[in-house]
Amino acid sequence: RGEIQRKLLCRKLRGHCQAECLTFEDQIGG
């Protein structure tokens, strides 16, 4: 359940899940 909640929170913050953030992106969570 925690994984699903974190993915939804990431989308709510207008982010996306990636293996590595690109140089012009900030890591805002996990």
All heavy atoms as atom14 arrays in JSON, in Angstrom:
{
  "sequence": "RGEIQRKLLCRKLRGHCQAECLTFEDQIGG",
  "atom14_mask": [
    [1, 1, 1, 1, 1, 1, 1, 1, 1, 1, 1, 0, 0, 0],
    [1, 1, 1, 1, 0, 0, 0, 0, 0, 0, 0, 0, 0, 0],
    [1, 1, 1, 1, 1, 1, 1, 1, 1, 0, 0, 0, 0, 0],
    [1, 1, 1, 1, 1, 1, 1, 1, 0, 0, 0, 0, 0, 0],
    [1, 1, 1, 1, 1, 1, 1, 1, 1, 0, 0, 0, 0, 0],
    [1, 1, 1, 1, 1, 1, 1, 1, 1, 1, 1, 0, 0, 0],
    [1, 1, 1, 1, 1, 1, 1, 1, 1, 0, 0, 0, 0, 0],
    [1, 1, 1, 1, 1, 1, 1, 1, 0, 0, 0, 0, 0, 0],
    [1, 1, 1, 1, 1, 1, 1, 1, 0, 0, 0, 0, 0, 0],
    [1, 1, 1, 1, 1, 1, 0, 0, 0, 0, 0, 0, 0, 0],
    [1, 1, 1, 1, 1, 1, 1, 1, 1, 1, 1, 0, 0, 0],
    [1, 1, 1, 1, 1, 1, 1, 1, 1, 0, 0, 0, 0, 0],
    [1, 1, 1, 1, 1, 1, 1, 1, 0, 0, 0, 0, 0, 0],
    [1, 1, 1, 1, 1, 1, 1, 1, 1, 1, 1, 0, 0, 0],
    [1, 1, 1, 1, 0, 0, 0, 0, 0, 0, 0, 0, 0, 0],
    [1, 1, 1, 1, 1, 1, 1, 1, 1, 1, 0, 0, 0, 0],
    [1, 1, 1, 1, 1, 1, 0, 0, 0, 0, 0, 0, 0, 0],
    [1, 1, 1, 1, 1, 1, 1, 1, 1, 0, 0, 0, 0, 0],
    [1, 1, 1, 1, 1, 0, 0, 0, 0, 0, 0, 0, 0, 0],
    [1, 1, 1, 1, 1, 1, 1, 1, 1, 0, 0, 0, 0, 0],
    [1, 1, 1, 1, 1, 1, 0, 0, 0, 0, 0, 0, 0, 0],
    [1, 1, 1, 1, 1, 1, 1, 1, 0, 0, 0, 0, 0, 0],
    [1, 1, 1, 1, 1, 1, 1, 0, 0, 0, 0, 0, 0, 0],
    [1, 1, 1, 1, 1, 1, 1, 1, 1, 1, 1, 0, 0, 0],
    [1, 1, 1, 1, 1, 1, 1, 1, 1, 0, 0, 0, 0, 0],
    [1, 1, 1, 1, 1, 1, 1, 1, 0, 0, 0, 0, 0, 0],
    [1, 1, 1, 1, 1, 1, 1, 1, 1, 0, 0, 0, 0, 0],
    [1, 1, 1, 1, 1, 1, 1, 1, 0, 0, 0, 0, 0, 0],
    [1, 1, 1, 1, 0, 0, 0, 0, 0, 0, 0, 0, 0, 0],
    [1, 1, 1, 1, 0, 0, 0, 0, 0, 0, 0, 0, 0, 0]
  ],
  "atom14_positions": [
    [[0.82, -1.21, 0.0], [0.0, 0.0, 0.0], [0.85, 1.26, 0.0], [0.52, 2.25, -0.63], [-0.91, 0.01, 1.22], [-2.12, -0.85, 1.09], [-3.02, -0.67, 2.27], [-2.36, -1.25, 3.44], [-2.58, -0.86, 4.67], [-3.43, 0.1, 4.93], [-1.95, -1.41, 5.68], [0.0, 0.0, 0.0], [0.0, 0.0, 0.0], [0.0, 0.0, 0.0]],
    [[1.97, 1.23, 0.7], [2.82, 2.41, 0.78], [3.37, 2.83, -0.56], [3.51, 4.02, -0.85], [0.0, 0.0, 0.0], [0.0, 0.0, 0.0], [0.0, 0.0, 0.0], [0.0, 0.0, 0.0], [0.0, 0.0, 0.0], [0.0, 0.0, 0.0], [0.0, 0.0, 0.0], [0.0, 0.0, 0.0], [0.0, 0.0, 0.0], [0.0, 0.0, 0.0]],
    [[3.69, 1.85, -1.39], [4.23, 2.16, -2.72], [3.19, 2.9, -3.55], [3.49, 3.89, -4.23], [4.65, 0.88, -3.42], [5.15, 1.09, -4.83], [5.47, -0.22, -5.51], [5.52, -1.26, -4.86], [5.67, -0.17, -6.74], [0.0, 0.0, 0.0], [0.0, 0.0, 0.0], [0.0, 0.0, 0.0], [0.0, 0.0, 0.0], [0.0, 0.0, 0.0]],
    [[1.96, 2.44, -3.51], [0.89, 3.08, -4.27], [0.65, 4.5, -3.78], [0.5, 5.43, -4.57], [-0.4, 2.23, -4.19], [-0.18, 0.89, -4.88], [-1.58, 2.97, -4.82], [-1.29, -0.1, -4.67], [0.0, 0.0, 0.0], [0.0, 0.0, 0.0], [0.0, 0.0, 0.0], [0.0, 0.0, 0.0], [0.0, 0.0, 0.0], [0.0, 0.0, 0.0]],
    [[0.66, 4.68, -2.46], [0.44, 6.02, -1.9], [1.57, 6.97, -2.3], [1.33, 8.14, -2.59], [0.32, 5.93, -0.39], [-0.94, 5.24, 0.07], [-0.96, 4.99, 1.56], [0.03, 5.19, 2.25], [-2.1, 4.56, 2.05], [0.0, 0.0, 0.0], [0.0, 0.0, 0.0], [0.0, 0.0, 0.0], [0.0, 0.0, 0.0], [0.0, 0.0, 0.0]],
    [[2.82, 6.48, -2.32], [3.93, 7.35, -2.71], [3.86, 7.73, -4.18], [4.17, 8.85, -4.56], [5.26, 6.66, -2.4], [5.61, 6.71, -0.93], [7.01, 6.2, -0.69], [7.09, 4.75, -0.78], [6.9, 3.92, 0.24], [6.63, 4.4, 1.42], [7.0, 2.61, 0.06], [0.0, 0.0, 0.0], [0.0, 0.0, 0.0], [0.0, 0.0, 0.0]],
    [[3.42, 6.79, -5.04], [3.27, 7.12, -6.46], [2.19, 8.18, -6.65], [2.35, 9.1, -7.46], [2.94, 5.87, -7.26], [4.12, 4.98, -7.52], [3.74, 3.82, -8.39], [4.92, 2.91, -8.65], [4.56, 1.78, -9.51], [0.0, 0.0, 0.0], [0.0, 0.0, 0.0], [0.0, 0.0, 0.0], [0.0, 0.0, 0.0], [0.0, 0.0, 0.0]],
    [[1.09, 8.05, -5.93], [0.01, 9.05, -6.04], [0.48, 10.42, -5.54], [0.15, 11.44, -6.13], [-1.22, 8.59, -5.27], [-1.96, 7.39, -5.87], [-3.09, 6.96, -4.95], [-2.5, 7.72, -7.24], [0.0, 0.0, 0.0], [0.0, 0.0, 0.0], [0.0, 0.0, 0.0], [0.0, 0.0, 0.0], [0.0, 0.0, 0.0], [0.0, 0.0, 0.0]],
    [[1.25, 10.44, -4.46], [1.78, 11.69, -3.95], [2.73, 12.32, -4.94], [2.72, 13.54, -5.16], [2.49, 11.48, -2.61], [3.11, 12.71, -1.98], [2.02, 13.73, -1.64], [3.87, 12.34, -0.74], [0.0, 0.0, 0.0], [0.0, 0.0, 0.0], [0.0, 0.0, 0.0], [0.0, 0.0, 0.0], [0.0, 0.0, 0.0], [0.0, 0.0, 0.0]],
    [[3.54, 11.51, -5.6], [4.47, 12.02, -6.62], [3.69, 12.67, -7.76], [4.05, 13.74, -8.23], [5.35, 10.9, -7.12], [6.62, 11.41, -8.3], [0.0, 0.0, 0.0], [0.0, 0.0, 0.0], [0.0, 0.0, 0.0], [0.0, 0.0, 0.0], [0.0, 0.0, 0.0], [0.0, 0.0, 0.0], [0.0, 0.0, 0.0], [0.0, 0.0, 0.0]],
    [[2.63, 12.03, -8.2], [1.82, 12.61, -9.28], [1.12, 13.87, -8.82], [0.96, 14.82, -9.58], [0.8, 11.6, -9.77], [1.41, 10.5, -10.57], [0.38, 9.6, -11.16], [1.02, 8.5, -11.86], [0.39, 7.43, -12.26], [-0.9, 7.3, -12.04], [1.03, 6.48, -12.88], [0.0, 0.0, 0.0], [0.0, 0.0, 0.0], [0.0, 0.0, 0.0]],
    [[0.7, 13.92, -7.55], [0.03, 15.1, -7.02], [0.99, 16.29, -7.0], [0.59, 17.43, -7.23], [-0.48, 14.81, -5.61], [-1.28, 15.92, -5.0], [-1.8, 15.52, -3.64], [-2.56, 16.65, -3.0], [-3.04, 16.27, -1.65], [0.0, 0.0, 0.0], [0.0, 0.0, 0.0], [0.0, 0.0, 0.0], [0.0, 0.0, 0.0], [0.0, 0.0, 0.0]],
    [[2.26, 16.02, -6.76], [3.29, 17.07, -6.76], [3.79, 17.39, -8.16], [4.77, 18.1, -8.33], [4.46, 16.64, -5.88], [4.16, 16.48, -4.39], [5.35, 15.88, -3.67], [3.77, 17.81, -3.78], [0.0, 0.0, 0.0], [0.0, 0.0, 0.0], [0.0, 0.0, 0.0], [0.0, 0.0, 0.0], [0.0, 0.0, 0.0], [0.0, 0.0, 0.0]],
    [[3.11, 16.84, -9.17], [3.45, 17.04, -10.58], [4.84, 16.54, -10.92], [5.59, 17.16, -11.68], [3.28, 18.5, -10.99], [1.86, 18.96, -10.88], [1.7, 20.35, -11.36], [0.31, 20.76, -11.14], [-0.24, 21.77, -11.75], [0.46, 22.49, -12.58], [-1.49, 22.08, -11.5], [0.0, 0.0, 0.0], [0.0, 0.0, 0.0], [0.0, 0.0, 0.0]],
    [[5.18, 15.4, -10.32], [6.45, 14.76, -10.61], [6.21, 13.45, -11.35], [5.08, 13.12, -11.7], [0.0, 0.0, 0.0], [0.0, 0.0, 0.0], [0.0, 0.0, 0.0], [0.0, 0.0, 0.0], [0.0, 0.0, 0.0], [0.0, 0.0, 0.0], [0.0, 0.0, 0.0], [0.0, 0.0, 0.0], [0.0, 0.0, 0.0], [0.0, 0.0, 0.0]],
    [[7.27, 12.73, -11.58], [7.17, 11.43, -12.22], [8.24, 10.52, -11.63], [9.28, 10.96, -11.16], [7.33, 11.53, -13.75], [8.6, 12.19, -14.17], [9.73, 11.49, -14.45], [8.92, 13.5, -14.31], [10.7, 12.33, -14.78], [10.24, 13.57, -14.69], [0.0, 0.0, 0.0], [0.0, 0.0, 0.0], [0.0, 0.0, 0.0], [0.0, 0.0, 0.0]],
    [[7.97, 9.23, -11.64], [8.88, 8.24, -11.07], [9.9, 7.82, -12.12], [9.53, 7.47, -13.24], [8.11, 7.03, -10.57], [6.98, 7.42, -9.23], [0.0, 0.0, 0.0], [0.0, 0.0, 0.0], [0.0, 0.0, 0.0], [0.0, 0.0, 0.0], [0.0, 0.0, 0.0], [0.0, 0.0, 0.0], [0.0, 0.0, 0.0], [0.0, 0.0, 0.0]],
    [[11.18, 7.87, -11.76], [12.26, 7.53, -12.68], [13.33, 6.76, -11.92], [13.43, 6.85, -10.7], [12.9, 8.78, -13.26], [12.1, 9.48, -14.31], [11.99, 8.69, -15.58], [10.93, 8.24, -15.92], [13.08, 8.52, -16.28], [0.0, 0.0, 0.0], [0.0, 0.0, 0.0], [0.0, 0.0, 0.0], [0.0, 0.0, 0.0], [0.0, 0.0, 0.0]],
    [[14.15, 6.04, -12.66], [15.29, 5.35, -12.05], [16.37, 6.35, -11.62], [16.98, 6.19, -10.57], [15.88, 4.34, -13.03], [0.0, 0.0, 0.0], [0.0, 0.0, 0.0], [0.0, 0.0, 0.0], [0.0, 0.0, 0.0], [0.0, 0.0, 0.0], [0.0, 0.0, 0.0], [0.0, 0.0, 0.0], [0.0, 0.0, 0.0], [0.0, 0.0, 0.0]],
    [[16.58, 7.4, -12.42], [17.52, 8.46, -12.09], [16.93, 9.78, -12.56], [16.36, 9.86, -13.64], [18.87, 8.25, -12.78], [19.63, 7.05, -12.29], [20.97, 6.91, -12.99], [21.4, 7.88, -13.65], [21.57, 5.85, -12.85], [0.0, 0.0, 0.0], [0.0, 0.0, 0.0], [0.0, 0.0, 0.0], [0.0, 0.0, 0.0], [0.0, 0.0, 0.0]],
    [[17.08, 10.82, -11.76], [16.63, 12.15, -12.17], [17.63, 12.73, -13.17], [18.84, 12.54, -13.02], [16.5, 13.07, -10.97], [15.22, 12.55, -9.81], [0.0, 0.0, 0.0], [0.0, 0.0, 0.0], [0.0, 0.0, 0.0], [0.0, 0.0, 0.0], [0.0, 0.0, 0.0], [0.0, 0.0, 0.0], [0.0, 0.0, 0.0], [0.0, 0.0, 0.0]],
    [[17.13, 13.42, -14.17], [18.0, 14.05, -15.16], [18.67, 15.27, -14.55], [18.31, 15.72, -13.46], [17.18, 14.42, -16.39], [16.5, 13.25, -17.09], [15.6, 13.75, -18.21], [17.52, 12.27, -17.63], [0.0, 0.0, 0.0], [0.0, 0.0, 0.0], [0.0, 0.0, 0.0], [0.0, 0.0, 0.0], [0.0, 0.0, 0.0], [0.0, 0.0, 0.0]],
    [[19.63, 15.85, -15.24], [20.4, 16.96, -14.69], [19.55, 18.2, -14.47], [19.85, 19.0, -13.6], [21.59, 17.31, -15.61], [21.08, 17.59, -16.91], [22.57, 16.17, -15.68], [0.0, 0.0, 0.0], [0.0, 0.0, 0.0], [0.0, 0.0, 0.0], [0.0, 0.0, 0.0], [0.0, 0.0, 0.0], [0.0, 0.0, 0.0], [0.0, 0.0, 0.0]],
    [[18.49, 18.38, -15.25], [17.64, 19.56, -15.1], [16.4, 19.27, -14.24], [15.45, 20.03, -14.24], [17.21, 20.1, -16.47], [16.52, 19.07, -17.33], [15.16, 18.87, -17.24], [17.26, 18.32, -18.22], [14.54, 17.94, -18.03], [16.64, 17.38, -19.02], [15.28, 17.18, -18.92], [0.0, 0.0, 0.0], [0.0, 0.0, 0.0], [0.0, 0.0, 0.0]],
    [[16.43, 18.17, -13.46], [15.32, 17.81, -12.59], [15.79, 17.72, -11.14], [16.95, 17.45, -10.87], [14.73, 16.45, -13.0], [14.08, 16.45, -14.35], [13.56, 15.09, -14.74], [14.14, 14.07, -14.33], [12.56, 15.05, -15.46], [0.0, 0.0, 0.0], [0.0, 0.0, 0.0], [0.0, 0.0, 0.0], [0.0, 0.0, 0.0], [0.0, 0.0, 0.0]],
    [[14.87, 17.96, -10.23], [15.15, 17.83, -8.8], [14.46, 16.6, -8.27], [13.36, 16.25, -8.7], [14.63, 19.05, -8.03], [15.43, 20.3, -8.31], [16.65, 20.18, -8.51], [14.84, 21.39, -8.31], [0.0, 0.0, 0.0], [0.0, 0.0, 0.0], [0.0, 0.0, 0.0], [0.0, 0.0, 0.0], [0.0, 0.0, 0.0], [0.0, 0.0, 0.0]],
    [[15.11, 15.96, -7.3], [14.48, 14.82, -6.63], [13.6, 15.38, -5.52], [14.07, 16.06, -4.62], [15.54, 13.89, -6.06], [14.95, 12.7, -5.34], [16.01, 11.84, -4.71], [17.2, 12.02, -4.93], [15.58, 10.91, -3.89], [0.0, 0.0, 0.0], [0.0, 0.0, 0.0], [0.0, 0.0, 0.0], [0.0, 0.0, 0.0], [0.0, 0.0, 0.0]],
    [[12.29, 15.1, -5.58], [11.36, 15.65, -4.6], [10.8, 14.59, -3.67], [10.0, 14.89, -2.81], [10.2, 16.4, -5.29], [9.45, 15.48, -6.25], [10.71, 17.64, -6.01], [8.2, 16.12, -6.83], [0.0, 0.0, 0.0], [0.0, 0.0, 0.0], [0.0, 0.0, 0.0], [0.0, 0.0, 0.0], [0.0, 0.0, 0.0], [0.0, 0.0, 0.0]],
    [[11.22, 13.37, -3.82], [10.72, 12.31, -2.96], [11.15, 10.96, -3.49], [12.03, 10.86, -4.32], [0.0, 0.0, 0.0], [0.0, 0.0, 0.0], [0.0, 0.0, 0.0], [0.0, 0.0, 0.0], [0.0, 0.0, 0.0], [0.0, 0.0, 0.0], [0.0, 0.0, 0.0], [0.0, 0.0, 0.0], [0.0, 0.0, 0.0], [0.0, 0.0, 0.0]],
    [[10.47, 9.93, -3.01], [10.8, 8.59, -3.44], [9.56, 7.81, -3.82], [8.51, 7.95, -3.22], [0.0, 0.0, 0.0], [0.0, 0.0, 0.0], [0.0, 0.0, 0.0], [0.0, 0.0, 0.0], [0.0, 0.0, 0.0], [0.0, 0.0, 0.0], [0.0, 0.0, 0.0], [0.0, 0.0, 0.0], [0.0, 0.0, 0.0], [0.0, 0.0, 0.0]]
  ]
}
